[in-house]
PDB file of N, CA and C in Angstrom:
ATOM      1  N   UNK A   1     -17.807  65.859 -39.174  1.00  0.00           N
ATOM      2  CA  UNK A   1     -17.852  66.974 -39.604  1.00  0.00           C
ATOM      3  C   UNK A   1     -16.298  67.356 -40.351  1.00  0.00           C
ATOM      4  N   UNK A   2     -16.312  67.002 -41.581  1.00  0.00           N
ATOM      5  CA  UNK A   2     -14.818  67.277 -42.390  1.00  0.00           C
ATOM      6  C   UNK A   2     -14.594  68.504 -42.977  1.00  0.00           C
ATOM      7  N   UNK A   3     -13.313  69.181 -42.754  1.00  0.00           N
ATOM      8  CA  UNK A   3     -13.104  70.478 -42.885  1.00  0.00           C
ATOM      9  C   UNK A   3     -12.764  70.169 -44.679  1.00  0.00           C
ATOM     10  N   UNK A   4     -12.929  71.654 -45.214  1.00  0.00           N
ATOM     11  CA  UNK A   4     -12.668  70.896 -47.082  1.00  0.00           C
ATOM     12  C   UNK A   4     -11.193  71.085 -46.957  1.00  0.00           C
ATOM     13  N   UNK A   5     -10.723  70.869 -47.831  1.00  0.00           N
ATOM     14  CA  UNK A   5      -9.495  70.285 -48.311  1.00  0.00           C
ATOM     15  C   UNK A   5      -8.725  72.069 -48.216  1.00  0.00           C
ATOM     16  N   UNK A   6      -7.756  71.976 -47.578  1.00  0.00           N
ATOM     17  CA  UNK A   6      -6.774  73.376 -47.459  1.00  0.00           C
ATOM     18  C   UNK A   6      -7.301  74.721 -46.843  1.00  0.00           C
ATOM     19  N   UNK A   7      -8.504  74.031 -46.206  1.00  0.00           N
ATOM     20  CA  UNK A   7      -9.090  75.342 -45.034  1.00  0.00           C
ATOM     21  C   UNK A   7      -8.852  74.615 -43.681  1.00  0.00           C
ATOM     22  N   UNK A   8      -8.972  75.950 -42.835  1.00  0.00           N
ATOM     23  CA  UNK A   8      -8.628  75.445 -41.221  1.00  0.00           C
ATOM     24  C   UNK A   8      -9.883  74.484 -40.723  1.00  0.00           C
ATOM     25  N   UNK A   9      -9.575  73.715 -39.921  1.00  0.00           N
ATOM     26  CA  UNK A   9     -10.674  73.089 -39.215  1.00  0.00           C
ATOM     27  C   UNK A   9     -11.047  74.116 -38.181  1.00  0.00           C
ATOM     28  N   UNK A  10     -12.528  73.718 -37.925  1.00  0.00           N
ATOM     29  CA  UNK A  10     -13.351  74.326 -37.231  1.00  0.00           C
ATOM     30  C   UNK A  10     -12.376  74.708 -35.674  1.00  0.00           C
ATOM     31  N   UNK A  11     -13.029  75.591 -35.496  1.00  0.00           N
ATOM     32  CA  UNK A  11     -12.597  75.975 -33.906  1.00  0.00           C
ATOM     33  C   UNK A  11     -13.303  76.566 -32.714  1.00  0.00           C
ATOM     34  N   UNK A  12     -13.277  76.258 -31.499  1.00  0.00           N
ATOM     35  CA  UNK A  12     -14.323  76.818 -30.716  1.00  0.00           C
ATOM     36  C   UNK A  12     -13.902  78.434 -30.202  1.00  0.00           C
ATOM     37  N   UNK A  13     -14.594  79.073 -29.841  1.00  0.00           N
ATOM     38  CA  UNK A  13     -14.329  80.144 -29.471  1.00  0.00           C
ATOM     39  C   UNK A  13     -12.724  80.840 -28.617  1.00  0.00           C
ATOM     40  N   UNK A  14     -12.674  79.670 -27.907  1.00  0.00           N
ATOM     41  CA  UNK A  14     -11.170  79.408 -27.385  1.00  0.00           C
ATOM     42  C   UNK A  14     -10.073  78.961 -28.054  1.00  0.00           C
ATOM     43  N   UNK A  15     -10.273  78.913 -29.537  1.00  0.00           N
ATOM     44  CA  UNK A  15      -9.320  78.357 -30.387  1.00  0.00           C
ATOM     45  C   UNK A  15      -9.166  76.963 -30.071  1.00  0.00           C
ATOM     46  N   UNK A  16      -9.798  76.307 -29.550  1.00  0.00           N
ATOM     47  CA  UNK A  16      -9.452  74.850 -29.721  1.00  0.00           C
ATOM     48  C   UNK A  16     -10.283  74.042 -31.029  1.00  0.00           C
ATOM     49  N   UNK A  17      -9.562  72.986 -31.401  1.00  0.00           N
ATOM     50  CA  UNK A  17     -10.072  72.285 -32.756  1.00  0.00           C
ATOM     51  C   UNK A  17     -11.607  72.007 -31.999  1.00  0.00           C
ATOM     52  N   UNK A  18     -12.359  71.792 -33.044  1.00  0.00           N
ATOM     53  CA  UNK A  18     -14.107  71.322 -32.391  1.00  0.00           C
ATOM     54  C   UNK A  18     -13.994  69.861 -33.154  1.00  0.00           C
ATOM     55  N   UNK A  19     -14.566  68.866 -32.296  1.00  0.00           N
ATOM     56  CA  UNK A  19     -15.103  67.618 -32.931  1.00  0.00           C
ATOM     57  C   UNK A  19     -16.032  67.142 -32.179  1.00  0.00           C
ATOM     58  N   UNK A  20     -16.799  66.262 -33.080  1.00  0.00           N
ATOM     59  CA  UNK A  20     -18.143  65.619 -32.193  1.00  0.00           C
ATOM     60  C   UNK A  20     -17.483  64.414 -31.746  1.00  0.00           C
ATOM     61  N   UNK A  21     -18.486  63.622 -30.682  1.00  0.00           N
ATOM     62  CA  UNK A  21     -18.250  62.698 -29.868  1.00  0.00           C
ATOM     63  C   UNK A  21     -18.093  61.318 -30.965  1.00  0.00           C
ATOM     64  N   UNK A  22     -18.725  61.151 -32.296  1.00  0.00           N
ATOM     65  CA  UNK A  22     -18.121  60.152 -33.159  1.00  0.00           C
ATOM     66  C   UNK A  22     -17.045  60.422 -33.777  1.00  0.00           C
ATOM     67  N   UNK A  23     -16.771  61.809 -33.799  1.00  0.00           N
ATOM     68  CA  UNK A  23     -15.383  61.814 -34.689  1.00  0.00           C
ATOM     69  C   UNK A  23     -14.164  61.316 -33.752  1.00  0.00           C
ATOM     70  N   UNK A  24     -14.636  61.782 -32.448  1.00  0.00           N
ATOM     71  CA  UNK A  24     -13.234  61.754 -31.401  1.00  0.00           C
ATOM     72  C   UNK A  24     -13.223  60.080 -31.150  1.00  0.00           C
ATOM     73  N   UNK A  25     -14.355  59.598 -31.373  1.00  0.00           N
ATOM     74  CA  UNK A  25     -14.071  57.673 -30.848  1.00  0.00           C
ATOM     75  C   UNK A  25     -13.697  57.338 -32.026  1.00  0.00           C
ATOM     76  N   UNK A  26     -13.692  57.956 -33.515  1.00  0.00           N
ATOM     77  CA  UNK A  26     -12.878  56.963 -34.627  1.00  0.00           C
ATOM     78  C   UNK A  26     -11.691  57.391 -34.690  1.00  0.00           C
ATOM     79  N   UNK A  27     -11.055  58.613 -33.568  1.00  0.00           N
ATOM     80  CA  UNK A  27      -9.700  59.205 -33.583  1.00  0.00           C
ATOM     81  C   UNK A  27      -9.277  58.375 -32.511  1.00  0.00           C
ATOM     82  N   UNK A  28     -10.208  58.049 -31.745  1.00  0.00           N
ATOM     83  CA  UNK A  28      -9.141  57.310 -30.448  1.00  0.00           C
ATOM     84  C   UNK A  28      -9.178  56.003 -31.012  1.00  0.00           C
ATOM     85  N   UNK A  29     -10.027  55.295 -31.566  1.00  0.00           N
ATOM     86  CA  UNK A  29     -10.305  53.906 -32.062  1.00  0.00           C
ATOM     87  C   UNK A  29      -8.946  53.989 -32.872  1.00  0.00           C
ATOM     88  N   UNK A  30      -8.538  54.647 -33.575  1.00  0.00           N
ATOM     89  CA  UNK A  30      -7.348  54.839 -34.571  1.00  0.00           C
ATOM     90  C   UNK A  30      -6.222  54.340 -33.896  1.00  0.00           C
ATOM     91  N   UNK A  31      -5.673  55.350 -33.115  1.00  0.00           N
ATOM     92  CA  UNK A  31      -4.739  55.438 -32.245  1.00  0.00           C
ATOM     93  C   UNK A  31      -4.611  54.256 -31.466  1.00  0.00           C
ATOM     94  N   UNK A  32      -5.861  53.549 -30.556  1.00  0.00           N
ATOM     95  CA  UNK A  32      -5.828  52.601 -30.121  1.00  0.00           C
ATOM     96  C   UNK A  32      -5.388  51.365 -30.824  1.00  0.00           C
ATOM     97  N   UNK A  33      -6.295  50.995 -32.245  1.00  0.00           N
ATOM     98  CA  UNK A  33      -6.197  50.275 -32.847  1.00  0.00           C
ATOM     99  C   UNK A  33      -4.453  49.962 -33.735  1.00  0.00           C
ATOM    100  N   UNK A  34      -3.776  51.397 -33.791  1.00  0.00           N
ATOM    101  CA  UNK A  34      -2.572  51.321 -34.391  1.00  0.00           C
ATOM    102  C   UNK A  34      -1.684  50.669 -33.293  1.00  0.00           C
ATOM    103  N   UNK A  35      -1.736  51.039 -32.142  1.00  0.00           N
ATOM    104  CA  UNK A  35      -0.946  50.572 -31.033  1.00  0.00           C
ATOM    105  C   UNK A  35      -1.431  48.902 -30.731  1.00  0.00           C
ATOM    106  N   UNK A  36      -2.257  48.124 -30.692  1.00  0.00           N
ATOM    107  CA  UNK A  36      -2.782  47.083 -30.439  1.00  0.00           C
ATOM    108  C   UNK A  36      -1.892  46.212 -31.747  1.00  0.00           C
ATOM    109  N   UNK A  37      -2.210  46.766 -32.868  1.00  0.00           N
ATOM    110  CA  UNK A  37      -1.662  46.470 -34.264  1.00  0.00           C
ATOM    111  C   UNK A  37      -0.060  46.131 -34.008  1.00  0.00           C
ATOM    112  N   UNK A  38       0.511  47.319 -33.320  1.00  0.00           N
ATOM    113  CA  UNK A  38       1.885  47.486 -33.437  1.00  0.00           C
ATOM    114  C   UNK A  38       2.632  46.502 -32.637  1.00  0.00           C
ATOM    115  N   UNK A  39       1.543  46.033 -31.548  1.00  0.00           N
ATOM    116  CA  UNK A  39       2.138  44.883 -30.707  1.00  0.00           C
ATOM    117  C   UNK A  39       1.482  43.304 -30.786  1.00  0.00           C
ATOM    118  N   UNK A  40       1.210  43.377 -32.028  1.00  0.00           N
ATOM    119  CA  UNK A  40       0.388  42.046 -32.147  1.00  0.00           C
ATOM    120  C   UNK A  40      -0.434  41.819 -31.569  1.00  0.00           C
ATOM    121  N   UNK A  41      -1.604  42.483 -31.212  1.00  0.00           N
ATOM    122  CA  UNK A  41      -2.754  42.404 -30.184  1.00  0.00           C
ATOM    123  C   UNK A  41      -3.968  42.176 -31.213  1.00  0.00           C
ATOM    124  N   UNK A  42      -3.870  41.306 -32.548  1.00  0.00           N
ATOM    125  CA  UNK A  42      -4.813  41.379 -33.530  1.00  0.00           C
ATOM    126  C   UNK A  42      -6.275  41.354 -32.796  1.00  0.00           C
ATOM    127  N   UNK A  43      -6.379  40.443 -31.926  1.00  0.00           N
ATOM    128  CA  UNK A  43      -8.247  40.148 -31.156  1.00  0.00           C
ATOM    129  C   UNK A  43      -8.236  41.572 -30.397  1.00  0.00           C
ATOM    130  N   UNK A  44      -7.618  42.215 -29.564  1.00  0.00           N
ATOM    131  CA  UNK A  44      -7.710  43.745 -29.266  1.00  0.00           C
ATOM    132  C   UNK A  44      -8.133  44.473 -30.484  1.00  0.00           C
ATOM    133  N   UNK A  45      -7.230  44.296 -31.392  1.00  0.00           N
ATOM    134  CA  UNK A  45      -7.714  45.796 -32.795  1.00  0.00           C
ATOM    135  C   UNK A  45      -8.623  45.259 -33.291  1.00  0.00           C
ATOM    136  N   UNK A  46      -9.251  44.168 -33.468  1.00  0.00           N
ATOM    137  CA  UNK A  46     -10.733  44.016 -34.073  1.00  0.00           C
ATOM    138  C   UNK A  46     -11.848  44.533 -33.040  1.00  0.00           C
ATOM    139  N   UNK A  47     -11.869  44.463 -31.653  1.00  0.00           N
ATOM    140  CA  UNK A  47     -12.296  44.858 -30.507  1.00  0.00           C
ATOM    141  C   UNK A  47     -12.342  46.294 -30.590  1.00  0.00           C
ATOM    142  N   UNK A  48     -11.036  46.834 -30.712  1.00  0.00           N
ATOM    143  CA  UNK A  48     -11.533  48.422 -30.411  1.00  0.00           C
ATOM    144  C   UNK A  48     -12.109  49.130 -31.864  1.00  0.00           C
ATOM    145  N   UNK A  49     -11.900  48.154 -32.917  1.00  0.00           N
ATOM    146  CA  UNK A  49     -12.786  48.541 -34.085  1.00  0.00           C
ATOM    147  C   UNK A  49     -14.222  48.412 -34.138  1.00  0.00           C
ATOM    148  N   UNK A  50     -14.757  47.560 -33.034  1.00  0.00           N
ATOM    149  CA  UNK A  50     -15.848  47.518 -33.121  1.00  0.00           C
ATOM    150  C   UNK A  50     -17.058  47.672 -31.844  1.00  0.00           C
ATOM    151  N   UNK A  51     -16.028  47.735 -31.068  1.00  0.00           N
ATOM    152  CA  UNK A  51     -16.865  47.900 -29.329  1.00  0.00           C
ATOM    153  C   UNK A  51     -17.871  49.250 -29.167  1.00  0.00           C
ATOM    154  N   UNK A  52     -18.936  49.214 -28.883  1.00  0.00           N
ATOM    155  CA  UNK A  52     -19.544  50.169 -28.695  1.00  0.00           C
ATOM    156  C   UNK A  52     -18.665  51.132 -27.535  1.00  0.00           C
ATOM    157  N   UNK A  53     -18.782  52.473 -27.341  1.00  0.00           N
ATOM    158  CA  UNK A  53     -18.413  53.281 -26.436  1.00  0.00           C
ATOM    159  C   UNK A  53     -19.472  53.098 -25.230  1.00  0.00           C
ATOM    160  N   UNK A  54     -18.799  52.615 -23.895  1.00  0.00           N
ATOM    161  CA  UNK A  54     -19.778  52.244 -22.924  1.00  0.00           C
ATOM    162  C   UNK A  54     -19.937  50.931 -22.551  1.00  0.00           C
ATOM    163  N   UNK A  55     -19.367  50.042 -23.488  1.00  0.00           N
ATOM    164  CA  UNK A  55     -19.313  48.892 -23.392  1.00  0.00           C
ATOM    165  C   UNK A  55     -18.285  48.169 -22.500  1.00  0.00           C
ATOM    166  N   UNK A  56     -18.916  48.214 -21.334  1.00  0.00           N
ATOM    167  CA  UNK A  56     -17.095  48.047 -20.525  1.00  0.00           C
ATOM    168  C   UNK A  56     -16.790  46.485 -20.418  1.00  0.00           C
ATOM    169  N   UNK A  57     -17.393  45.394 -20.665  1.00  0.00           N
ATOM    170  CA  UNK A  57     -16.920  44.135 -20.927  1.00  0.00           C
ATOM    171  C   UNK A  57     -15.941  43.966 -22.224  1.00  0.00           C
ATOM    172  N   UNK A  58     -16.416  44.646 -23.227  1.00  0.00           N
ATOM    173  CA  UNK A  58     -15.521  44.753 -24.638  1.00  0.00           C
ATOM    174  C   UNK A  58     -14.488  45.802 -24.414  1.00  0.00           C
ATOM    175  N   UNK A  59     -14.452  46.607 -23.784  1.00  0.00           N
ATOM    176  CA  UNK A  59     -13.267  47.172 -23.467  1.00  0.00           C
ATOM    177  C   UNK A  59     -12.612  46.784 -22.170  1.00  0.00           C
ATOM    178  N   UNK A  60     -12.953  46.163 -21.545  1.00  0.00           N
ATOM    179  CA  UNK A  60     -12.133  45.680 -20.337  1.00  0.00           C
ATOM    180  C   UNK A  60     -11.169  44.456 -21.377  1.00  0.00           C
ATOM    181  N   UNK A  61     -11.699  43.700 -21.942  1.00  0.00           N
ATOM    182  CA  UNK A  61     -10.919  42.867 -22.645  1.00  0.00           C
ATOM    183  C   UNK A  61      -9.941  43.286 -23.385  1.00  0.00           C
ATOM    184  N   UNK A  62     -10.034  45.096 -23.885  1.00  0.00           N
ATOM    185  CA  UNK A  62      -9.064  45.398 -24.535  1.00  0.00           C
ATOM    186  C   UNK A  62      -8.108  45.828 -23.828  1.00  0.00           C
ATOM    187  N   UNK A  63      -8.731  46.487 -22.269  1.00  0.00           N
ATOM    188  CA  UNK A  63      -7.847  46.616 -21.472  1.00  0.00           C
ATOM    189  C   UNK A  63      -6.907  45.916 -21.429  1.00  0.00           C
ATOM    190  N   UNK A  64      -7.137  44.731 -21.010  1.00  0.00           N
ATOM    191  CA  UNK A  64      -6.110  43.467 -20.609  1.00  0.00           C
ATOM    192  C   UNK A  64      -5.034  43.492 -21.737  1.00  0.00           C
ATOM    193  N   UNK A  65      -5.255  43.540 -22.858  1.00  0.00           N
ATOM    194  CA  UNK A  65      -4.549  43.214 -23.781  1.00  0.00           C
ATOM    195  C   UNK A  65      -3.103  44.092 -24.127  1.00  0.00           C
ATOM    196  N   UNK A  66      -3.751  45.379 -23.812  1.00  0.00           N
ATOM    197  CA  UNK A  66      -2.657  46.787 -24.023  1.00  0.00           C
ATOM    198  C   UNK A  66      -1.644  46.845 -23.248  1.00  0.00           C
ATOM    199  N   UNK A  67      -0.214  46.854 -23.825  1.00  0.00           N
ATOM    200  CA  UNK A  67       0.895  46.734 -23.187  1.00  0.00           C
ATOM    201  C   UNK A  67       1.267  48.310 -22.908  1.00  0.00           C
ATOM    202  N   UNK A  68       0.800  49.373 -23.208  1.00  0.00           N
ATOM    203  CA  UNK A  68       1.352  50.666 -23.003  1.00  0.00           C
ATOM    204  C   UNK A  68      -0.110  51.296 -21.759  1.00  0.00           C
ATOM    205  N   UNK A  69       0.569  51.565 -20.885  1.00  0.00           N
ATOM    206  CA  UNK A  69      -0.561  52.485 -19.982  1.00  0.00           C
ATOM    207  C   UNK A  69      -1.537  53.165 -20.273  1.00  0.00           C
ATOM    208  N   UNK A  70      -1.212  54.308 -21.509  1.00  0.00           N
ATOM    209  CA  UNK A  70      -2.036  55.154 -21.920  1.00  0.00           C
ATOM    210  C   UNK A  70      -2.988  54.266 -22.707  1.00  0.00           C
ATOM    211  N   UNK A  71      -2.692  53.206 -23.261  1.00  0.00           N
ATOM    212  CA  UNK A  71      -3.440  52.817 -24.327  1.00  0.00           C
ATOM    213  C   UNK A  71      -4.730  51.978 -23.036  1.00  0.00           C
ATOM    214  N   UNK A  72      -4.306  51.488 -22.376  1.00  0.00           N
ATOM    215  CA  UNK A  72      -4.743  50.599 -20.986  1.00  0.00           C
ATOM    216  C   UNK A  72      -6.242  51.961 -20.636  1.00  0.00           C
ATOM    217  N   UNK A  73      -5.596  52.822 -20.067  1.00  0.00           N
ATOM    218  CA  UNK A  73      -6.425  53.991 -19.603  1.00  0.00           C
ATOM    219  C   UNK A  73      -7.201  54.679 -20.317  1.00  0.00           C
ATOM    220  N   UNK A  74      -7.156  54.672 -22.086  1.00  0.00           N
ATOM    221  CA  UNK A  74      -7.798  54.936 -22.878  1.00  0.00           C
ATOM    222  C   UNK A  74      -8.985  54.046 -23.127  1.00  0.00           C
ATOM    223  N   UNK A  75      -8.535  52.755 -23.418  1.00  0.00           N
ATOM    224  CA  UNK A  75      -9.670  51.581 -23.242  1.00  0.00           C
ATOM    225  C   UNK A  75     -10.738  51.880 -21.916  1.00  0.00           C
ATOM    226  N   UNK A  76      -9.838  51.796 -20.910  1.00  0.00           N
ATOM    227  CA  UNK A  76     -10.933  52.032 -19.562  1.00  0.00           C
ATOM    228  C   UNK A  76     -11.547  52.939 -19.756  1.00  0.00           C
ATOM    229  N   UNK A  77     -11.186  53.940 -19.800  1.00  0.00           N
ATOM    230  CA  UNK A  77     -11.913  55.467 -20.511  1.00  0.00           C
ATOM    231  C   UNK A  77     -13.603  55.187 -21.365  1.00  0.00           C
ATOM    232  N   UNK A  78     -12.959  54.395 -22.411  1.00  0.00           N
ATOM    233  CA  UNK A  78     -14.299  54.050 -23.334  1.00  0.00           C
ATOM    234  C   UNK A  78     -15.095  53.190 -22.714  1.00  0.00           C
ATOM    235  N   UNK A  79     -14.916  52.557 -21.778  1.00  0.00           N
ATOM    236  CA  UNK A  79     -15.621  51.123 -21.133  1.00  0.00           C
ATOM    237  C   UNK A  79     -16.655  52.144 -20.440  1.00  0.00           C
ATOM    238  N   UNK A  80     -16.157  53.070 -19.834  1.00  0.00           N
ATOM    239  CA  UNK A  80     -17.258  53.971 -18.800  1.00  0.00           C
ATOM    240  C   UNK A  80     -17.714  54.897 -19.505  1.00  0.00           C
ATOM    241  N   UNK A  81     -17.594  55.291 -20.771  1.00  0.00           N
ATOM    242  CA  UNK A  81     -18.163  55.947 -22.079  1.00  0.00           C
ATOM    243  C   UNK A  81     -17.487  57.553 -21.797  1.00  0.00           C
ATOM    244  N   UNK A  82     -16.540  57.529 -21.405  1.00  0.00           N
ATOM    245  CA  UNK A  82     -15.830  58.748 -21.537  1.00  0.00           C
ATOM    246  C   UNK A  82     -14.578  59.080 -22.315  1.00  0.00           C
ATOM    247  N   UNK A  83     -15.213  59.719 -23.446  1.00  0.00           N
ATOM    248  CA  UNK A  83     -14.596  59.802 -24.261  1.00  0.00           C
ATOM    249  C   UNK A  83     -13.561  60.839 -24.333  1.00  0.00           C
ATOM    250  N   UNK A  84     -14.038  61.885 -23.844  1.00  0.00           N
ATOM    251  CA  UNK A  84     -12.818  63.023 -23.235  1.00  0.00           C
ATOM    252  C   UNK A  84     -11.741  62.807 -22.639  1.00  0.00           C
ATOM    253  N   UNK A  85     -11.936  61.731 -21.841  1.00  0.00           N
ATOM    254  CA  UNK A  85     -10.787  61.035 -21.227  1.00  0.00           C
ATOM    255  C   UNK A  85      -9.956  60.230 -21.808  1.00  0.00           C
ATOM    256  N   UNK A  86     -10.466  59.582 -22.911  1.00  0.00           N
ATOM    257  CA  UNK A  86      -9.483  58.672 -24.013  1.00  0.00           C
ATOM    258  C   UNK A  86      -9.123  59.697 -24.981  1.00  0.00           C
ATOM    259  N   UNK A  87      -9.363  60.612 -25.326  1.00  0.00           N
ATOM    260  CA  UNK A  87      -8.861  61.625 -26.027  1.00  0.00           C
ATOM    261  C   UNK A  87      -7.625  62.414 -25.495  1.00  0.00           C
ATOM    262  N   UNK A  88      -7.845  62.792 -23.848  1.00  0.00           N
ATOM    263  CA  UNK A  88      -6.572  63.072 -23.340  1.00  0.00           C
ATOM    264  C   UNK A  88      -5.350  62.289 -23.101  1.00  0.00           C
ATOM    265  N   UNK A  89      -5.915  60.816 -22.904  1.00  0.00           N
ATOM    266  CA  UNK A  89      -4.994  59.910 -22.702  1.00  0.00           C
ATOM    267  C   UNK A  89      -4.071  59.762 -24.137  1.00  0.00           C
ATOM    268  N   UNK A  90      -4.792  59.542 -25.217  1.00  0.00           N
ATOM    269  CA  UNK A  90      -4.152  59.669 -26.593  1.00  0.00           C
ATOM    270  C   UNK A  90      -3.241  60.880 -26.675  1.00  0.00           C
ATOM    271  N   UNK A  91      -3.547  61.955 -26.482  1.00  0.00           N
ATOM    272  CA  UNK A  91      -2.923  63.288 -26.539  1.00  0.00           C
ATOM    273  C   UNK A  91      -1.505  63.358 -25.691  1.00  0.00           C
ATOM    274  N   UNK A  92      -1.864  63.167 -24.486  1.00  0.00           N
ATOM    275  CA  UNK A  92      -0.735  62.684 -23.764  1.00  0.00           C
ATOM    276  C   UNK A  92       0.493  61.832 -24.133  1.00  0.00           C
ATOM    277  N   UNK A  93       0.106  60.656 -24.491  1.00  0.00           N
ATOM    278  CA  UNK A  93       0.847  59.852 -25.033  1.00  0.00           C
ATOM    279  C   UNK A  93       1.973  60.195 -26.574  1.00  0.00           C
ATOM    280  N   UNK A  94       0.777  60.916 -27.171  1.00  0.00           N
ATOM    281  CA  UNK A  94       1.576  61.556 -28.623  1.00  0.00           C
ATOM    282  C   UNK A  94       2.490  62.916 -28.068  1.00  0.00           C
ATOM    283  N   UNK A  95       2.364  63.389 -26.517  1.00  0.00           N
ATOM    284  CA  UNK A  95       2.863  64.549 -26.471  1.00  0.00           C
ATOM    285  C   UNK A  95       2.316  65.845 -26.789  1.00  0.00           C
ATOM    286  N   UNK A  96       1.237  65.824 -27.214  1.00  0.00           N
ATOM    287  CA  UNK A  96       0.609  66.905 -27.828  1.00  0.00           C
ATOM    288  C   UNK A  96      -0.818  67.767 -27.138  1.00  0.00           C
ATOM    289  N   UNK A  97      -1.065  68.641 -27.469  1.00  0.00           N
ATOM    290  CA  UNK A  97      -2.320  69.278 -26.941  1.00  0.00           C
ATOM    291  C   UNK A  97      -3.642  68.495 -27.287  1.00  0.00           C
ATOM    292  N   UNK A  98      -4.617  68.741 -27.087  1.00  0.00           N
ATOM    293  CA  UNK A  98      -5.921  67.935 -27.171  1.00  0.00           C
ATOM    294  C   UNK A  98      -5.726  68.593 -29.157  1.00  0.00           C
ATOM    295  N   UNK A  99      -6.010  69.862 -29.152  1.00  0.00           N
ATOM    296  CA  UNK A  99      -5.970  70.072 -30.851  1.00  0.00           C
ATOM    297  C   UNK A  99      -5.098  69.839 -31.536  1.00  0.00           C
ATOM    298  N   UNK A 100      -3.647  69.812 -30.870  1.00  0.00           N
ATOM    299  CA  UNK A 100      -2.950  69.273 -31.988  1.00  0.00           C
ATOM    300  C   UNK A 100      -3.025  67.545 -32.186  1.00  0.00           C
ATOM    301  N   UNK A 101      -3.485  66.548 -31.124  1.00  0.00           N
ATOM    302  CA  UNK A 101      -3.630  65.450 -31.347  1.00  0.00           C
ATOM    303  C   UNK A 101      -4.571  64.970 -32.009  1.00  0.00           C
ATOM    304  N   UNK A 102      -5.875  65.869 -32.111  1.00  0.00           N
ATOM    305  CA  UNK A 102      -7.194  66.112 -33.206  1.00  0.00           C
ATOM    306  C   UNK A 102      -6.688  66.283 -34.456  1.00  0.00           C
ATOM    307  N   UNK A 103      -5.849  67.217 -34.540  1.00  0.00           N
ATOM    308  CA  UNK A 103      -5.457  67.655 -36.193  1.00  0.00           C
ATOM    309  C   UNK A 103      -4.299  66.596 -36.593  1.00  0.00           C
ATOM    310  N   UNK A 104      -3.475  66.094 -35.769  1.00  0.00           N
ATOM    311  CA  UNK A 104      -2.611  64.883 -36.432  1.00  0.00           C
ATOM    312  C   UNK A 104      -3.314  63.914 -36.876  1.00  0.00           C
ATOM    313  N   UNK A 105      -4.153  63.692 -36.063  1.00  0.00           N
ATOM    314  CA  UNK A 105      -4.799  62.075 -36.067  1.00  0.00           C
ATOM    315  C   UNK A 105      -5.764  62.062 -37.425  1.00  0.00           C
ATOM    316  N   UNK A 106      -6.194  63.393 -37.494  1.00  0.00           N
ATOM    317  CA  UNK A 106      -7.393  63.513 -38.371  1.00  0.00           C
ATOM    318  C   UNK A 106      -6.527  63.436 -39.961  1.00  0.00           C
ATOM    319  N   UNK A 107      -5.564  64.251 -39.630  1.00  0.00           N
ATOM    320  CA  UNK A 107      -4.374  64.077 -41.076  1.00  0.00           C
ATOM    321  C   UNK A 107      -3.944  62.441 -41.339  1.00  0.00           C
ATOM    322  N   UNK A 108      -3.357  61.764 -40.058  1.00  0.00           N
ATOM    323  CA  UNK A 108      -3.168  60.366 -40.575  1.00  0.00           C
ATOM    324  C   UNK A 108      -4.286  59.601 -41.056  1.00  0.00           C
ATOM    325  N   UNK A 109      -5.419  59.751 -40.793  1.00  0.00           N
ATOM    326  CA  UNK A 109      -6.754  58.953 -41.304  1.00  0.00           C
ATOM    327  C   UNK A 109      -6.977  59.435 -42.690  1.00  0.00           C
ATOM    328  N   UNK A 110      -7.193  60.886 -42.740  1.00  0.00           N
ATOM    329  CA  UNK A 110      -6.961  61.389 -44.179  1.00  0.00           C
ATOM    330  C   UNK A 110      -5.616  61.080 -45.497  1.00  0.00           C
ATOM    331  N   UNK A 111      -4.854  60.494 -45.034  1.00  0.00           N
ATOM    332  CA  UNK A 111      -3.809  60.244 -46.034  1.00  0.00           C
ATOM    333  C   UNK A 111      -3.544  58.053 -45.769  1.00  0.00           C
ATOM    334  N   UNK A 112      -4.687  58.253 -45.215  1.00  0.00           N
ATOM    335  CA  UNK A 112      -5.107  56.776 -45.957  1.00  0.00           C
ATOM    336  C   UNK A 112      -5.225  55.438 -44.824  1.00  0.00           C
ATOM    337  N   UNK A 113      -5.295  56.396 -43.140  1.00  0.00           N
ATOM    338  CA  UNK A 113      -5.160  55.474 -42.330  1.00  0.00           C
ATOM    339  C   UNK A 113      -6.289  55.108 -41.682  1.00  0.00           C
ATOM    340  N   UNK A 114      -7.625  55.292 -42.641  1.00  0.00           N
ATOM    341  CA  UNK A 114      -8.989  54.865 -42.101  1.00  0.00           C
ATOM    342  C   UNK A 114      -9.123  53.655 -41.340  1.00  0.00           C
ATOM    343  N   UNK A 115      -9.804  53.470 -40.489  1.00  0.00           N
ATOM    344  CA  UNK A 115     -10.414  52.290 -39.926  1.00  0.00           C
ATOM    345  C   UNK A 115     -11.541  51.362 -40.609  1.00  0.00           C
TER     346      UNK A 115
END
């Protein structure tokens, strides 16, 4: 679900930004791949881009390669199929609320950081 250029992103009744599971997974993949590449963990970056949600073996391999605790925890959550916990870890690491992290990561992807 892509917002129109210049429009506000869709929000829930509580005011938080709405994103479906596929988009959340893409956003978490973006953050994790960025972290892996920043640490020269090239194989982990490839797995991050390709591993299915809930594939515990693939995500465990990513966990072992990640240096940051938040990235390790986010990969663990993805291995368990828990996208919401992975989003929470990414937002926490960035010092942002869930909605802020989603909006900021969407913005990063829109300006050319797509996976």
